[in-house]
């Protein structure tokens, strides 16, 4: 199944001070596949990769070694970002967590005390829905253009040209009869 993608930087921009990058690194254009909450020591069986995982820090075990193993498991699964909810378990993000995430290439974010994780999930799914609607409208526009092209006197050539332009590549129509092949671009 294909999911509309939401970038990590887009999610942080929408949430403002409620989801803040911990280190001074830029968020790059990382696309998220989902937002999940887990306090399991090993949440990887429930992840697909590409997610933002939210936790209060309980599974970190309070030690650099336990944290490094936790982050390494997340890295191996392909997690894009880890969000630490500050509050009862952690008043601030430990330096050893920040270092482990930097080494693993996982973006580390802080969710301030009192901000429900549900706010992050809702923002993600709202952005995802908007992205899906935009994709649908774009697809419908392409479909309409191709249908209109098919009605033209040079329909086959117009459809091939419209299809190639929509895909950003080339297209060809190879008829089974004596009709000539149509290419776009013609070169």
N, C-alpha and C. Protein backbone atom coordinates (compact mmCIF):
# COMPACT_ATOMS: atom_id res chain seq x y z
N UNK A 1 0.84 -1.18 0.00
CA UNK A 1 0.00 0.00 0.00
C UNK A 1 0.89 1.25 0.00
N UNK A 2 0.52 2.25 -0.76
CA UNK A 2 1.28 3.50 -0.83
C UNK A 2 0.59 4.53 0.06
N UNK A 3 1.38 5.14 0.94
CA UNK A 3 0.86 6.15 1.84
C UNK A 3 1.35 7.52 1.42
N UNK A 4 0.49 8.54 1.53
CA UNK A 4 0.98 9.90 1.30
C UNK A 4 2.07 10.21 2.31
N UNK A 5 3.13 10.84 1.86
CA UNK A 5 4.26 11.11 2.73
C UNK A 5 4.19 12.51 3.32
N UNK A 6 4.70 12.61 4.53
CA UNK A 6 4.80 13.87 5.25
C UNK A 6 6.26 14.01 5.66
N UNK A 7 6.86 15.16 5.40
CA UNK A 7 8.25 15.33 5.78
C UNK A 7 8.35 15.67 7.27
N UNK A 8 9.46 15.27 7.85
CA UNK A 8 9.71 15.55 9.26
C UNK A 8 9.77 17.06 9.50
N UNK A 9 10.40 17.79 8.60
CA UNK A 9 10.48 19.24 8.76
C UNK A 9 9.10 19.88 8.67
N UNK A 10 8.24 19.36 7.81
CA UNK A 10 6.87 19.87 7.68
C UNK A 10 6.09 19.63 8.98
N UNK A 11 6.24 18.45 9.56
CA UNK A 11 5.56 18.13 10.81
C UNK A 11 6.04 19.04 11.94
N UNK A 12 7.36 19.25 12.02
CA UNK A 12 7.91 20.13 13.06
C UNK A 12 7.43 21.57 12.87
N UNK A 13 7.32 22.00 11.63
CA UNK A 13 6.86 23.37 11.36
C UNK A 13 5.42 23.56 11.82
N UNK A 14 4.58 22.55 11.58
CA UNK A 14 3.18 22.64 11.98
C UNK A 14 3.05 22.64 13.51
N UNK A 15 3.84 21.81 14.16
CA UNK A 15 3.74 21.68 15.62
C UNK A 15 4.51 22.75 16.39
N UNK A 16 5.41 23.44 15.71
CA UNK A 16 6.15 24.53 16.36
C UNK A 16 6.88 24.07 17.61
N UNK A 17 6.63 24.72 18.74
CA UNK A 17 7.37 24.38 19.97
C UNK A 17 6.94 23.06 20.61
N UNK A 18 5.98 22.37 20.01
CA UNK A 18 5.52 21.10 20.57
C UNK A 18 6.28 19.89 20.03
N UNK A 19 7.16 20.11 19.05
CA UNK A 19 8.03 19.05 18.51
C UNK A 19 9.29 19.75 18.00
N UNK A 20 10.36 19.64 18.79
CA UNK A 20 11.56 20.45 18.55
C UNK A 20 12.78 19.56 18.33
N UNK A 21 13.54 19.79 17.26
CA UNK A 21 14.79 19.04 17.07
C UNK A 21 15.73 19.29 18.25
N UNK A 22 16.38 18.23 18.73
CA UNK A 22 17.25 18.35 19.90
C UNK A 22 18.61 18.91 19.52
N UNK A 23 19.21 18.38 18.47
CA UNK A 23 20.52 18.87 18.08
C UNK A 23 20.36 19.99 17.06
N UNK A 24 21.45 20.64 16.76
CA UNK A 24 21.41 21.73 15.81
C UNK A 24 21.39 21.28 14.36
N UNK A 25 21.27 19.99 14.11
CA UNK A 25 21.28 19.48 12.73
C UNK A 25 19.98 19.84 12.01
N UNK A 26 20.11 20.05 10.70
CA UNK A 26 18.90 20.30 9.92
C UNK A 26 18.13 18.99 9.79
N UNK A 27 16.84 19.10 9.56
CA UNK A 27 16.00 17.91 9.48
C UNK A 27 16.04 17.23 8.13
N UNK A 28 16.73 17.79 7.18
CA UNK A 28 16.76 17.24 5.83
C UNK A 28 15.34 17.02 5.34
N UNK A 29 15.20 16.39 4.24
CA UNK A 29 13.87 16.18 3.66
C UNK A 29 13.28 14.83 4.00
N UNK A 30 13.63 14.28 5.12
CA UNK A 30 13.16 12.94 5.48
C UNK A 30 11.64 12.85 5.44
N UNK A 31 11.15 11.85 4.75
CA UNK A 31 9.72 11.60 4.65
C UNK A 31 9.33 10.53 5.67
N UNK A 32 8.28 10.79 6.41
CA UNK A 32 7.81 9.87 7.44
C UNK A 32 6.69 8.98 6.89
N UNK A 33 6.70 7.72 7.30
CA UNK A 33 5.64 6.81 6.90
C UNK A 33 4.56 6.70 7.96
N UNK A 34 4.84 7.19 9.16
CA UNK A 34 3.86 7.11 10.23
C UNK A 34 4.43 7.66 11.52
N UNK A 35 3.57 7.78 12.53
CA UNK A 35 3.96 8.19 13.87
C UNK A 35 3.42 7.12 14.82
N UNK A 36 4.30 6.60 15.66
CA UNK A 36 3.91 5.56 16.59
C UNK A 36 4.39 5.89 17.99
N UNK A 37 3.69 5.36 18.99
CA UNK A 37 4.06 5.53 20.39
C UNK A 37 4.35 4.15 20.95
N UNK A 38 5.50 4.02 21.64
CA UNK A 38 5.82 2.74 22.26
C UNK A 38 6.75 2.94 23.45
N UNK A 39 6.51 2.17 24.49
CA UNK A 39 7.39 2.13 25.65
C UNK A 39 8.05 0.76 25.77
N UNK A 40 7.99 -0.03 24.69
CA UNK A 40 8.62 -1.34 24.69
C UNK A 40 10.14 -1.22 24.60
N UNK A 41 10.84 -2.17 25.21
CA UNK A 41 12.31 -2.20 25.10
C UNK A 41 12.72 -2.42 23.65
N UNK A 42 11.93 -3.20 22.92
CA UNK A 42 12.21 -3.45 21.51
C UNK A 42 10.92 -3.31 20.71
N UNK A 43 10.63 -2.10 20.22
CA UNK A 43 9.41 -1.90 19.43
C UNK A 43 9.55 -2.29 17.96
N UNK A 44 10.73 -2.73 17.55
CA UNK A 44 10.98 -2.96 16.13
C UNK A 44 10.07 -3.98 15.46
N UNK A 45 9.56 -5.01 16.18
CA UNK A 45 8.64 -5.92 15.47
C UNK A 45 7.35 -5.22 15.01
N UNK A 46 7.07 -4.06 15.56
CA UNK A 46 5.83 -3.34 15.24
C UNK A 46 6.06 -2.14 14.34
N UNK A 47 7.27 -2.01 13.81
CA UNK A 47 7.62 -0.90 12.94
C UNK A 47 7.95 -1.41 11.55
N UNK A 48 7.72 -0.56 10.54
CA UNK A 48 8.05 -0.91 9.16
C UNK A 48 9.30 -0.21 8.67
N UNK A 49 9.70 0.87 9.34
CA UNK A 49 10.79 1.72 8.88
C UNK A 49 10.24 3.02 8.35
N UNK A 50 10.98 4.09 8.57
CA UNK A 50 10.57 5.39 8.09
C UNK A 50 9.70 6.18 9.06
N UNK A 51 9.41 5.63 10.24
CA UNK A 51 8.50 6.28 11.17
C UNK A 51 9.20 7.29 12.08
N UNK A 52 8.35 8.04 12.78
CA UNK A 52 8.72 8.81 13.96
C UNK A 52 8.18 8.02 15.13
N UNK A 53 9.05 7.61 16.05
CA UNK A 53 8.64 6.87 17.23
C UNK A 53 8.66 7.80 18.43
N UNK A 54 7.57 7.83 19.16
CA UNK A 54 7.46 8.66 20.36
C UNK A 54 7.54 7.78 21.60
N UNK A 55 8.33 8.20 22.58
CA UNK A 55 8.48 7.48 23.84
C UNK A 55 8.77 8.47 24.96
N UNK A 56 8.41 8.07 26.18
CA UNK A 56 8.75 8.91 27.34
C UNK A 56 10.18 8.67 27.80
N UNK A 57 10.83 7.67 27.24
CA UNK A 57 12.20 7.35 27.62
C UNK A 57 12.32 6.14 28.52
N UNK A 58 11.20 5.55 28.91
CA UNK A 58 11.24 4.37 29.77
C UNK A 58 12.13 3.26 29.22
N UNK A 59 12.07 2.95 27.90
CA UNK A 59 12.88 1.83 27.40
C UNK A 59 14.38 2.11 27.31
N UNK A 60 14.79 3.34 27.58
CA UNK A 60 16.21 3.66 27.48
C UNK A 60 17.02 3.07 28.63
N UNK A 61 16.37 2.70 29.69
CA UNK A 61 17.05 2.05 30.80
C UNK A 61 17.94 2.93 31.64
N UNK A 62 18.02 4.20 31.33
CA UNK A 62 18.81 5.12 32.15
C UNK A 62 20.31 4.98 32.02
N UNK A 63 20.79 4.20 31.07
CA UNK A 63 22.24 4.05 30.92
C UNK A 63 22.65 4.24 29.47
N UNK A 64 23.87 4.71 29.25
CA UNK A 64 24.35 4.88 27.87
C UNK A 64 24.37 3.56 27.08
N UNK A 65 24.76 2.46 27.72
CA UNK A 65 24.85 1.19 27.00
C UNK A 65 23.48 0.69 26.58
N UNK A 66 22.50 0.74 27.47
CA UNK A 66 21.14 0.29 27.14
C UNK A 66 20.55 1.18 26.06
N UNK A 67 20.80 2.48 26.19
CA UNK A 67 20.30 3.43 25.19
C UNK A 67 20.92 3.17 23.83
N UNK A 68 22.23 2.92 23.79
CA UNK A 68 22.91 2.66 22.52
C UNK A 68 22.33 1.42 21.84
N UNK A 69 22.04 0.37 22.60
CA UNK A 69 21.45 -0.85 22.02
C UNK A 69 20.04 -0.57 21.50
N UNK A 70 19.27 0.20 22.26
CA UNK A 70 17.91 0.57 21.85
C UNK A 70 17.95 1.34 20.52
N UNK A 71 18.79 2.35 20.46
CA UNK A 71 18.89 3.18 19.25
C UNK A 71 19.42 2.36 18.08
N UNK A 72 20.35 1.45 18.34
CA UNK A 72 20.88 0.62 17.27
C UNK A 72 19.79 -0.28 16.67
N UNK A 73 18.91 -0.81 17.52
CA UNK A 73 17.79 -1.61 17.01
C UNK A 73 16.89 -0.75 16.12
N UNK A 74 16.64 0.48 16.55
CA UNK A 74 15.80 1.38 15.75
C UNK A 74 16.46 1.71 14.42
N UNK A 75 17.77 1.94 14.44
CA UNK A 75 18.50 2.22 13.21
C UNK A 75 18.41 1.04 12.25
N UNK A 76 18.60 -0.18 12.77
CA UNK A 76 18.55 -1.38 11.93
C UNK A 76 17.17 -1.56 11.29
N UNK A 77 16.13 -1.09 11.94
CA UNK A 77 14.78 -1.20 11.40
C UNK A 77 14.46 -0.08 10.41
N UNK A 78 15.30 0.96 10.37
CA UNK A 78 15.09 2.05 9.42
C UNK A 78 14.27 3.20 9.95
N UNK A 79 14.20 3.33 11.28
CA UNK A 79 13.46 4.44 11.88
C UNK A 79 14.09 5.77 11.47
N UNK A 80 13.27 6.76 11.13
CA UNK A 80 13.79 8.06 10.72
C UNK A 80 13.97 9.03 11.88
N UNK A 81 13.09 8.94 12.89
CA UNK A 81 13.15 9.94 13.96
C UNK A 81 12.63 9.35 15.27
N UNK A 82 13.19 9.86 16.36
CA UNK A 82 12.79 9.45 17.70
C UNK A 82 12.39 10.72 18.45
N UNK A 83 11.19 10.70 19.01
CA UNK A 83 10.70 11.83 19.79
C UNK A 83 10.64 11.45 21.25
N UNK A 84 11.30 12.23 22.09
CA UNK A 84 11.32 11.97 23.53
C UNK A 84 10.37 12.92 24.23
N UNK A 85 9.39 12.34 24.89
CA UNK A 85 8.45 13.13 25.67
C UNK A 85 9.06 13.46 27.02
N UNK A 86 9.29 14.72 27.26
CA UNK A 86 9.87 15.13 28.53
C UNK A 86 8.77 15.19 29.58
N UNK A 87 9.14 14.86 30.81
CA UNK A 87 8.15 14.84 31.88
C UNK A 87 8.56 13.93 33.00
N UNK A 88 7.73 12.96 33.34
CA UNK A 88 7.98 12.13 34.52
C UNK A 88 9.26 11.28 34.45
N UNK A 89 9.63 10.79 33.27
CA UNK A 89 10.82 9.94 33.17
C UNK A 89 12.07 10.73 32.90
N UNK A 90 11.99 11.71 32.05
CA UNK A 90 13.17 12.51 31.69
C UNK A 90 12.81 13.99 31.73
N UNK A 91 13.57 14.75 32.51
CA UNK A 91 13.35 16.20 32.57
C UNK A 91 14.03 16.89 31.39
N UNK A 92 15.09 16.26 30.88
CA UNK A 92 15.80 16.77 29.70
C UNK A 92 16.35 15.59 28.92
N UNK A 93 16.73 15.84 27.69
CA UNK A 93 17.25 14.77 26.84
C UNK A 93 18.70 14.49 27.24
N UNK A 94 19.01 13.23 27.60
CA UNK A 94 20.38 12.90 27.98
C UNK A 94 21.35 13.05 26.80
N UNK A 95 22.55 13.52 27.10
CA UNK A 95 23.56 13.67 26.05
C UNK A 95 23.88 12.34 25.36
N UNK A 96 23.90 11.25 26.14
CA UNK A 96 24.23 9.95 25.53
C UNK A 96 23.15 9.51 24.53
N UNK A 97 21.91 9.92 24.73
CA UNK A 97 20.86 9.62 23.75
C UNK A 97 21.08 10.44 22.49
N UNK A 98 21.38 11.70 22.66
CA UNK A 98 21.64 12.57 21.52
C UNK A 98 22.82 12.05 20.70
N UNK A 99 23.87 11.62 21.38
CA UNK A 99 25.04 11.09 20.70
C UNK A 99 24.71 9.80 19.96
N UNK A 100 23.98 8.89 20.61
CA UNK A 100 23.61 7.62 19.97
C UNK A 100 22.77 7.86 18.72
N UNK A 101 21.83 8.80 18.79
CA UNK A 101 20.98 9.11 17.63
C UNK A 101 21.80 9.75 16.51
N UNK A 102 22.72 10.64 16.86
CA UNK A 102 23.59 11.25 15.85
C UNK A 102 24.38 10.18 15.12
N UNK A 103 24.97 9.26 15.88
CA UNK A 103 25.78 8.20 15.28
C UNK A 103 24.93 7.26 14.42
N UNK A 104 23.68 7.05 14.79
CA UNK A 104 22.79 6.15 14.05
C UNK A 104 22.11 6.84 12.87
N UNK A 105 22.21 8.16 12.78
CA UNK A 105 21.52 8.88 11.71
C UNK A 105 20.04 9.01 11.93
N UNK A 106 19.62 8.96 13.19
CA UNK A 106 18.21 9.10 13.55
C UNK A 106 17.99 10.50 14.10
N UNK A 107 17.02 11.22 13.56
CA UNK A 107 16.71 12.55 14.08
C UNK A 107 16.11 12.41 15.47
N UNK A 108 16.58 13.25 16.38
CA UNK A 108 16.08 13.23 17.75
C UNK A 108 15.30 14.51 18.00
N UNK A 109 14.09 14.34 18.51
CA UNK A 109 13.20 15.48 18.76
C UNK A 109 12.71 15.41 20.20
N UNK A 110 12.35 16.55 20.73
CA UNK A 110 11.79 16.61 22.08
C UNK A 110 10.34 17.07 22.01
N UNK A 111 9.52 16.40 22.80
CA UNK A 111 8.13 16.79 22.99
C UNK A 111 8.07 17.35 24.41
N UNK A 112 7.83 18.65 24.56
CA UNK A 112 7.86 19.26 25.90
C UNK A 112 6.85 18.63 26.86
N UNK A 113 7.16 18.73 28.13
CA UNK A 113 6.29 18.23 29.19
C UNK A 113 4.89 18.82 29.03
N UNK A 114 3.89 17.98 29.14
CA UNK A 114 2.50 18.42 29.06
C UNK A 114 1.91 18.38 27.67
N UNK A 115 2.72 18.14 26.63
CA UNK A 115 2.20 18.05 25.27
C UNK A 115 1.83 16.59 25.00
N UNK A 116 0.56 16.30 24.78
CA UNK A 116 0.16 14.91 24.52
C UNK A 116 0.74 14.39 23.20
N UNK A 117 1.20 13.15 23.22
CA UNK A 117 1.69 12.52 21.99
C UNK A 117 0.60 12.52 20.92
N UNK A 118 -0.64 12.48 21.35
CA UNK A 118 -1.76 12.47 20.41
C UNK A 118 -1.73 13.71 19.52
N UNK A 119 -1.24 14.83 20.03
CA UNK A 119 -1.14 16.05 19.21
C UNK A 119 -0.21 15.83 18.02
N UNK A 120 0.88 15.12 18.26
CA UNK A 120 1.84 14.83 17.18
C UNK A 120 1.19 13.89 16.17
N UNK A 121 0.54 12.85 16.65
CA UNK A 121 -0.13 11.90 15.74
C UNK A 121 -1.20 12.59 14.91
N UNK A 122 -2.02 13.40 15.55
CA UNK A 122 -3.08 14.10 14.82
C UNK A 122 -2.51 15.03 13.75
N UNK A 123 -1.44 15.74 14.08
CA UNK A 123 -0.83 16.65 13.10
C UNK A 123 -0.30 15.85 11.91
N UNK A 124 0.36 14.72 12.19
CA UNK A 124 0.87 13.88 11.11
C UNK A 124 -0.26 13.42 10.19
N UNK A 125 -1.33 12.88 10.77
CA UNK A 125 -2.40 12.33 9.95
C UNK A 125 -3.17 13.42 9.22
N UNK A 126 -3.24 14.60 9.79
CA UNK A 126 -3.86 15.73 9.10
C UNK A 126 -3.04 16.11 7.87
N UNK A 127 -1.72 16.21 8.04
CA UNK A 127 -0.84 16.52 6.91
C UNK A 127 -0.90 15.41 5.87
N UNK A 128 -0.95 14.18 6.32
CA UNK A 128 -1.01 13.03 5.42
C UNK A 128 -2.30 13.07 4.59
N UNK A 129 -3.40 13.40 5.23
CA UNK A 129 -4.68 13.49 4.52
C UNK A 129 -4.64 14.58 3.46
N UNK A 130 -4.05 15.73 3.80
CA UNK A 130 -3.94 16.82 2.82
C UNK A 130 -3.09 16.39 1.64
N UNK A 131 -1.99 15.70 1.93
CA UNK A 131 -1.11 15.22 0.87
C UNK A 131 -1.85 14.25 -0.03
N UNK A 132 -2.64 13.35 0.57
CA UNK A 132 -3.41 12.39 -0.21
C UNK A 132 -4.45 13.05 -1.08
N UNK A 133 -5.09 14.11 -0.56
CA UNK A 133 -6.07 14.84 -1.35
C UNK A 133 -5.41 15.54 -2.52
N UNK A 134 -4.22 16.10 -2.29
CA UNK A 134 -3.51 16.78 -3.37
C UNK A 134 -3.11 15.77 -4.45
N UNK A 135 -2.65 14.58 -4.04
CA UNK A 135 -2.30 13.55 -5.01
C UNK A 135 -3.52 13.12 -5.81
N UNK A 136 -4.65 12.96 -5.12
CA UNK A 136 -5.88 12.55 -5.80
C UNK A 136 -6.30 13.60 -6.83
N UNK A 137 -6.27 14.87 -6.43
CA UNK A 137 -6.65 15.93 -7.36
C UNK A 137 -5.71 15.98 -8.56
N UNK A 138 -4.41 15.79 -8.31
CA UNK A 138 -3.44 15.76 -9.41
C UNK A 138 -3.71 14.58 -10.34
N UNK A 139 -4.01 13.43 -9.77
CA UNK A 139 -4.30 12.24 -10.58
C UNK A 139 -5.57 12.43 -11.41
N UNK A 140 -6.59 13.03 -10.78
CA UNK A 140 -7.83 13.27 -11.51
C UNK A 140 -7.60 14.25 -12.65
N UNK A 141 -6.76 15.25 -12.42
CA UNK A 141 -6.44 16.20 -13.48
C UNK A 141 -5.73 15.52 -14.64
N UNK A 142 -4.80 14.64 -14.33
CA UNK A 142 -4.09 13.89 -15.37
C UNK A 142 -5.06 12.98 -16.12
N UNK A 143 -5.91 12.30 -15.38
CA UNK A 143 -6.87 11.40 -16.01
C UNK A 143 -7.81 12.18 -16.94
N UNK A 144 -8.26 13.33 -16.50
CA UNK A 144 -9.14 14.16 -17.33
C UNK A 144 -8.42 14.62 -18.58
N UNK A 145 -7.17 15.05 -18.44
CA UNK A 145 -6.40 15.50 -19.61
C UNK A 145 -6.20 14.38 -20.61
N UNK A 146 -5.91 13.16 -20.12
CA UNK A 146 -5.72 12.03 -21.02
C UNK A 146 -7.03 11.65 -21.72
N UNK A 147 -8.14 11.73 -21.00
CA UNK A 147 -9.44 11.43 -21.61
C UNK A 147 -9.77 12.45 -22.70
N UNK A 148 -9.47 13.73 -22.43
CA UNK A 148 -9.71 14.76 -23.44
C UNK A 148 -8.79 14.55 -24.65
N UNK A 149 -7.55 14.16 -24.41
CA UNK A 149 -6.61 13.91 -25.50
C UNK A 149 -7.09 12.76 -26.38
N UNK A 150 -7.67 11.75 -25.76
CA UNK A 150 -8.15 10.58 -26.52
C UNK A 150 -9.28 10.94 -27.47
N UNK A 151 -10.01 12.01 -27.19
CA UNK A 151 -11.14 12.42 -28.02
C UNK A 151 -10.70 13.24 -29.23
N UNK A 152 -9.45 13.66 -29.28
CA UNK A 152 -8.96 14.47 -30.40
C UNK A 152 -8.79 13.59 -31.64
N UNK A 153 -8.78 14.22 -32.83
CA UNK A 153 -8.58 13.43 -34.06
C UNK A 153 -7.27 12.64 -34.05
N UNK A 154 -6.22 13.20 -33.47
CA UNK A 154 -4.94 12.49 -33.36
C UNK A 154 -4.81 11.88 -31.96
N UNK A 155 -5.87 11.22 -31.49
CA UNK A 155 -6.00 10.75 -30.11
C UNK A 155 -4.84 9.92 -29.60
N UNK A 156 -4.39 8.94 -30.37
CA UNK A 156 -3.31 8.07 -29.90
C UNK A 156 -2.04 8.87 -29.64
N UNK A 157 -1.69 9.74 -30.56
CA UNK A 157 -0.47 10.55 -30.40
C UNK A 157 -0.63 11.51 -29.22
N UNK A 158 -1.82 12.09 -29.06
CA UNK A 158 -2.05 13.04 -27.96
C UNK A 158 -2.00 12.34 -26.61
N UNK A 159 -2.53 11.13 -26.53
CA UNK A 159 -2.48 10.37 -25.28
C UNK A 159 -1.04 9.99 -24.94
N UNK A 160 -0.29 9.54 -25.91
CA UNK A 160 1.11 9.17 -25.68
C UNK A 160 1.89 10.39 -25.18
N UNK A 161 1.70 11.53 -25.82
CA UNK A 161 2.38 12.76 -25.42
C UNK A 161 1.96 13.16 -24.00
N UNK A 162 0.66 13.14 -23.72
CA UNK A 162 0.17 13.51 -22.39
C UNK A 162 0.67 12.56 -21.31
N UNK A 163 0.72 11.29 -21.62
CA UNK A 163 1.20 10.29 -20.66
C UNK A 163 2.69 10.50 -20.36
N UNK A 164 3.48 10.72 -21.40
CA UNK A 164 4.92 10.96 -21.20
C UNK A 164 5.15 12.21 -20.36
N UNK A 165 4.39 13.25 -20.63
CA UNK A 165 4.54 14.49 -19.86
C UNK A 165 4.12 14.30 -18.41
N UNK A 166 3.05 13.55 -18.17
CA UNK A 166 2.58 13.30 -16.81
C UNK A 166 3.59 12.48 -16.02
N UNK A 167 4.26 11.55 -16.69
CA UNK A 167 5.25 10.70 -16.03
C UNK A 167 6.62 11.35 -15.94
N UNK A 168 6.83 12.38 -16.74
CA UNK A 168 8.14 13.03 -16.76
C UNK A 168 9.18 12.15 -17.45
N UNK A 169 8.75 11.38 -18.42
CA UNK A 169 9.65 10.48 -19.13
C UNK A 169 9.23 10.34 -20.57
N UNK A 170 9.26 9.13 -21.08
CA UNK A 170 8.85 8.89 -22.45
C UNK A 170 7.78 7.82 -22.46
N UNK A 171 7.06 7.76 -23.56
CA UNK A 171 6.00 6.77 -23.71
C UNK A 171 5.92 6.36 -25.18
N UNK A 172 5.39 5.17 -25.38
CA UNK A 172 5.24 4.65 -26.73
C UNK A 172 3.94 3.85 -26.80
N UNK A 173 3.29 3.91 -27.95
CA UNK A 173 2.11 3.10 -28.23
C UNK A 173 2.47 2.22 -29.42
N UNK A 174 2.45 0.90 -29.22
CA UNK A 174 2.77 -0.05 -30.27
C UNK A 174 1.51 -0.82 -30.61
N UNK A 175 0.80 -0.40 -31.66
CA UNK A 175 -0.45 -1.07 -32.01
C UNK A 175 -0.18 -2.47 -32.57
N UNK A 176 -1.17 -3.33 -32.47
CA UNK A 176 -1.01 -4.70 -32.97
C UNK A 176 -1.27 -4.80 -34.46
N UNK A 177 -1.92 -3.80 -35.03
CA UNK A 177 -2.25 -3.84 -36.46
C UNK A 177 -1.22 -3.09 -37.30
N UNK A 178 -1.71 -2.53 -38.39
CA UNK A 178 -0.84 -1.83 -39.33
C UNK A 178 -0.67 -0.36 -38.98
N UNK A 179 -1.36 0.10 -37.98
CA UNK A 179 -1.25 1.50 -37.56
C UNK A 179 0.18 1.78 -37.11
N UNK A 180 0.71 2.98 -37.41
CA UNK A 180 2.10 3.27 -37.01
C UNK A 180 2.24 3.45 -35.49
N UNK A 181 3.44 3.16 -35.00
CA UNK A 181 3.74 3.35 -33.57
C UNK A 181 3.78 4.85 -33.28
N UNK A 182 3.43 5.22 -32.05
CA UNK A 182 3.46 6.60 -31.62
C UNK A 182 4.46 6.71 -30.47
N UNK A 183 5.37 7.68 -30.53
CA UNK A 183 6.39 7.91 -29.51
C UNK A 183 6.32 9.34 -29.00
N UNK A 184 6.67 9.53 -27.76
CA UNK A 184 6.88 10.89 -27.25
C UNK A 184 7.95 10.84 -26.19
N UNK A 185 8.98 11.63 -26.29
CA UNK A 185 9.26 12.53 -27.42
C UNK A 185 9.61 11.73 -28.67
N UNK A 186 9.38 12.34 -29.79
CA UNK A 186 9.55 11.64 -31.07
C UNK A 186 10.99 11.28 -31.36
N UNK A 187 11.94 11.93 -30.70
CA UNK A 187 13.35 11.60 -30.92
C UNK A 187 13.70 10.35 -30.12
